[in-house]
N, C-alpha and C. Protein backbone atom coordinates (compact mmCIF):
# COMPACT_ATOMS: atom_id res chain seq x y z
N UNK A 1 81.66 79.63 -2.13
CA UNK A 1 80.31 80.93 -3.14
C UNK A 1 80.58 81.04 -4.23
N UNK A 2 82.22 81.08 -3.87
CA UNK A 2 83.01 81.50 -5.16
C UNK A 2 83.03 80.36 -6.36
N UNK A 3 82.80 78.96 -6.01
CA UNK A 3 83.46 77.61 -6.34
C UNK A 3 82.55 77.54 -7.37
N UNK A 4 81.20 77.60 -6.92
CA UNK A 4 79.50 77.60 -7.76
C UNK A 4 79.22 78.14 -8.58
N UNK A 5 80.15 79.74 -7.99
CA UNK A 5 80.06 80.72 -9.49
C UNK A 5 81.54 80.29 -10.17
N UNK A 6 81.97 79.99 -9.76
CA UNK A 6 82.67 79.62 -10.90
C UNK A 6 81.52 78.34 -11.42
N UNK A 7 81.37 76.83 -11.86
CA UNK A 7 80.73 75.88 -11.71
C UNK A 7 79.57 76.92 -12.26
N UNK A 8 79.04 77.98 -12.68
CA UNK A 8 78.10 78.16 -13.27
C UNK A 8 78.09 78.88 -14.34
N UNK A 9 79.56 79.85 -14.10
CA UNK A 9 79.75 79.66 -15.38
C UNK A 9 80.99 79.39 -16.34
N UNK A 10 81.20 78.33 -16.14
CA UNK A 10 81.49 77.11 -17.05
C UNK A 10 80.22 76.68 -17.62
N UNK A 11 78.90 75.99 -17.09
CA UNK A 11 77.51 75.36 -17.36
C UNK A 11 77.32 76.58 -18.39
N UNK A 12 77.40 78.74 -18.48
CA UNK A 12 75.91 78.90 -19.63
C UNK A 12 77.23 78.88 -20.58
N UNK A 13 78.26 78.18 -20.52
CA UNK A 13 78.68 78.59 -22.20
C UNK A 13 78.69 76.75 -22.53
N UNK A 14 77.43 76.48 -23.14
CA UNK A 14 76.54 75.83 -23.51
C UNK A 14 75.47 76.08 -23.79
N UNK A 15 75.13 75.84 -25.59
CA UNK A 15 74.07 76.71 -25.87
C UNK A 15 73.13 76.09 -25.15
N UNK A 16 71.80 77.59 -24.75
CA UNK A 16 70.38 76.73 -24.46
C UNK A 16 70.45 76.95 -23.11
N UNK A 17 71.73 76.73 -22.07
CA UNK A 17 72.06 76.96 -20.90
C UNK A 17 71.73 78.36 -20.16
N UNK A 18 71.34 78.52 -19.43
CA UNK A 18 71.80 79.49 -18.54
C UNK A 18 71.45 79.42 -17.51
N UNK A 19 71.29 80.39 -16.45
CA UNK A 19 72.12 79.95 -15.49
C UNK A 19 71.10 79.80 -14.34
N UNK A 20 69.23 79.96 -14.67
CA UNK A 20 68.74 79.07 -14.03
C UNK A 20 69.01 77.33 -14.50
N UNK A 21 69.10 77.34 -15.13
CA UNK A 21 69.43 75.89 -15.79
C UNK A 21 71.31 75.63 -14.83
N UNK A 22 72.08 76.67 -14.81
CA UNK A 22 73.24 76.18 -14.26
C UNK A 22 72.98 75.96 -13.38
N UNK A 23 72.35 76.07 -12.37
CA UNK A 23 72.16 76.54 -10.46
C UNK A 23 71.19 75.69 -10.50
N UNK A 24 70.53 74.71 -11.76
CA UNK A 24 69.47 72.75 -11.00
C UNK A 24 70.39 72.27 -11.61
N UNK A 25 71.67 71.84 -12.59
CA UNK A 25 72.28 71.29 -12.94
C UNK A 25 73.52 70.69 -11.21
N UNK A 26 73.71 72.38 -10.93
CA UNK A 26 74.92 72.18 -9.20
C UNK A 26 73.95 71.48 -8.24
N UNK A 27 72.76 72.04 -8.31
CA UNK A 27 71.86 71.08 -6.59
C UNK A 27 71.64 69.70 -7.19
N UNK A 28 70.77 69.50 -8.33
CA UNK A 28 71.07 68.43 -8.91
C UNK A 28 71.91 67.30 -8.73
N UNK A 29 73.03 67.85 -9.30
CA UNK A 29 74.15 67.25 -9.13
C UNK A 29 75.02 67.07 -7.85
N UNK A 30 75.63 68.03 -7.30
CA UNK A 30 76.61 67.77 -6.58
C UNK A 30 78.10 67.18 -6.62
N UNK A 31 77.80 66.18 -7.26
CA UNK A 31 79.70 65.45 -7.60
C UNK A 31 80.07 65.18 -8.99
N UNK A 32 80.52 66.51 -9.87
CA UNK A 32 80.47 65.62 -11.32
C UNK A 32 81.41 64.49 -11.49
N UNK A 33 82.17 64.28 -10.58
CA UNK A 33 83.15 62.91 -10.53
C UNK A 33 81.98 61.36 -11.06
N UNK A 34 81.08 61.60 -10.66
CA UNK A 34 79.72 60.57 -10.97
C UNK A 34 79.89 59.70 -12.32
N UNK A 35 79.97 60.91 -13.47
CA UNK A 35 79.74 61.23 -14.26
C UNK A 35 80.83 60.34 -15.61
N UNK A 36 80.80 59.90 -15.91
CA UNK A 36 81.97 59.44 -17.05
C UNK A 36 81.90 60.42 -18.11
N UNK A 37 80.75 60.73 -19.18
CA UNK A 37 81.42 61.44 -19.82
C UNK A 37 79.36 62.41 -20.01
N UNK A 38 79.76 63.44 -20.66
CA UNK A 38 78.94 64.20 -21.04
C UNK A 38 77.60 63.68 -21.14
N UNK A 39 77.25 62.88 -21.96
CA UNK A 39 76.18 62.86 -21.76
C UNK A 39 76.11 62.34 -21.52
N UNK A 40 76.13 60.83 -20.18
CA UNK A 40 75.66 60.74 -19.01
C UNK A 40 74.78 61.47 -18.42
N UNK A 41 75.98 61.79 -18.62
CA UNK A 41 75.67 62.72 -17.31
C UNK A 41 73.64 64.00 -18.30
N UNK A 42 73.80 64.27 -19.00
CA UNK A 42 72.80 64.32 -19.68
C UNK A 42 70.96 63.41 -19.57
N UNK A 43 71.80 62.08 -20.25
CA UNK A 43 71.04 61.43 -19.50
C UNK A 43 70.23 61.00 -17.60
N UNK A 44 70.90 61.45 -17.14
CA UNK A 44 70.71 61.75 -16.42
C UNK A 44 69.93 62.75 -15.67
N UNK A 45 70.25 63.78 -15.76
CA UNK A 45 69.41 64.62 -15.39
C UNK A 45 68.15 64.97 -16.43
N UNK A 46 67.74 64.34 -17.26
CA UNK A 46 66.74 64.24 -18.40
C UNK A 46 67.07 64.95 -19.37
N UNK A 47 67.54 66.02 -19.85
CA UNK A 47 67.76 67.41 -20.04
C UNK A 47 68.60 66.91 -22.03
N UNK A 48 67.66 67.04 -22.59
CA UNK A 48 68.35 67.18 -24.25
C UNK A 48 68.19 68.46 -25.37
N UNK A 49 68.75 67.85 -25.78
CA UNK A 49 69.00 69.82 -26.31
C UNK A 49 67.50 68.98 -28.17
N UNK A 50 67.17 70.57 -28.36
CA UNK A 50 66.26 71.20 -29.63
C UNK A 50 66.34 71.31 -30.64
N UNK A 51 67.17 71.00 -32.12
CA UNK A 51 66.77 71.65 -32.85
C UNK A 51 65.43 71.39 -34.54
N UNK A 52 65.63 71.80 -34.59
CA UNK A 52 64.36 72.27 -35.77
C UNK A 52 65.63 72.62 -36.83
N UNK A 53 66.11 72.18 -37.79
CA UNK A 53 66.87 72.00 -39.12
C UNK A 53 65.97 71.57 -40.45
N UNK A 54 66.69 72.14 -41.19
CA UNK A 54 66.62 71.90 -42.44
C UNK A 54 67.77 72.03 -43.73
N UNK A 55 68.23 71.09 -44.38
CA UNK A 55 68.77 71.30 -45.06
C UNK A 55 70.98 72.82 -44.84
N UNK A 56 70.41 72.85 -45.12
CA UNK A 56 71.02 74.42 -45.03
C UNK A 56 71.22 75.36 -44.10
N UNK A 57 69.16 75.04 -43.43
CA UNK A 57 69.01 76.26 -42.43
C UNK A 57 69.39 74.87 -41.15
N UNK A 58 69.97 75.52 -40.36
CA UNK A 58 70.08 75.33 -38.79
C UNK A 58 69.26 76.40 -37.49
N UNK A 59 68.97 75.72 -36.84
CA UNK A 59 68.00 76.68 -36.34
C UNK A 59 68.26 75.56 -34.72
N UNK A 60 69.08 75.92 -33.93
CA UNK A 60 69.15 74.78 -32.50
C UNK A 60 68.09 75.37 -31.91
N UNK A 61 67.61 74.94 -30.89
CA UNK A 61 66.39 75.06 -29.38
C UNK A 61 67.18 75.57 -29.04
N UNK A 62 67.20 75.81 -26.80
CA UNK A 62 67.30 75.47 -26.25
C UNK A 62 67.30 74.26 -25.53
N UNK A 63 67.33 73.76 -24.79
CA UNK A 63 67.10 72.54 -23.93
C UNK A 63 66.57 72.16 -23.40
N UNK A 64 65.16 71.35 -23.26
CA UNK A 64 64.33 70.39 -23.23
C UNK A 64 64.96 70.19 -21.79
N UNK A 65 63.68 70.43 -20.80
CA UNK A 65 63.41 69.26 -19.46
C UNK A 65 62.61 68.25 -20.30
N UNK A 66 62.88 66.92 -19.85
CA UNK A 66 62.23 65.80 -20.71
C UNK A 66 62.19 64.42 -19.31
N UNK A 67 61.80 64.26 -18.88
CA UNK A 67 61.70 62.71 -18.09
C UNK A 67 61.16 63.69 -15.99
N UNK A 68 61.65 62.54 -15.54
CA UNK A 68 62.16 62.99 -14.00
C UNK A 68 64.05 62.65 -13.45
N UNK A 69 63.97 63.62 -12.56
CA UNK A 69 65.15 63.41 -12.01
C UNK A 69 65.52 63.18 -11.10
N UNK A 70 65.73 61.58 -10.34
CA UNK A 70 65.33 60.60 -9.18
C UNK A 70 66.53 61.32 -8.06
């Protein structure tokens, strides 16, 4: 339980990741060692970051779920 809580705290540090998303990632993944890089892991989960920026105006959106998790 404590180990899972530490992993949730680490995942919540990312922009757009709240507790619910972090728990979803932990449950779906199980073992993070299967993924060499973060972009491979994000693609596996079907999560993509959103951004609606223009010139100097930077507007970052939360993570969005795309596709189906296998």
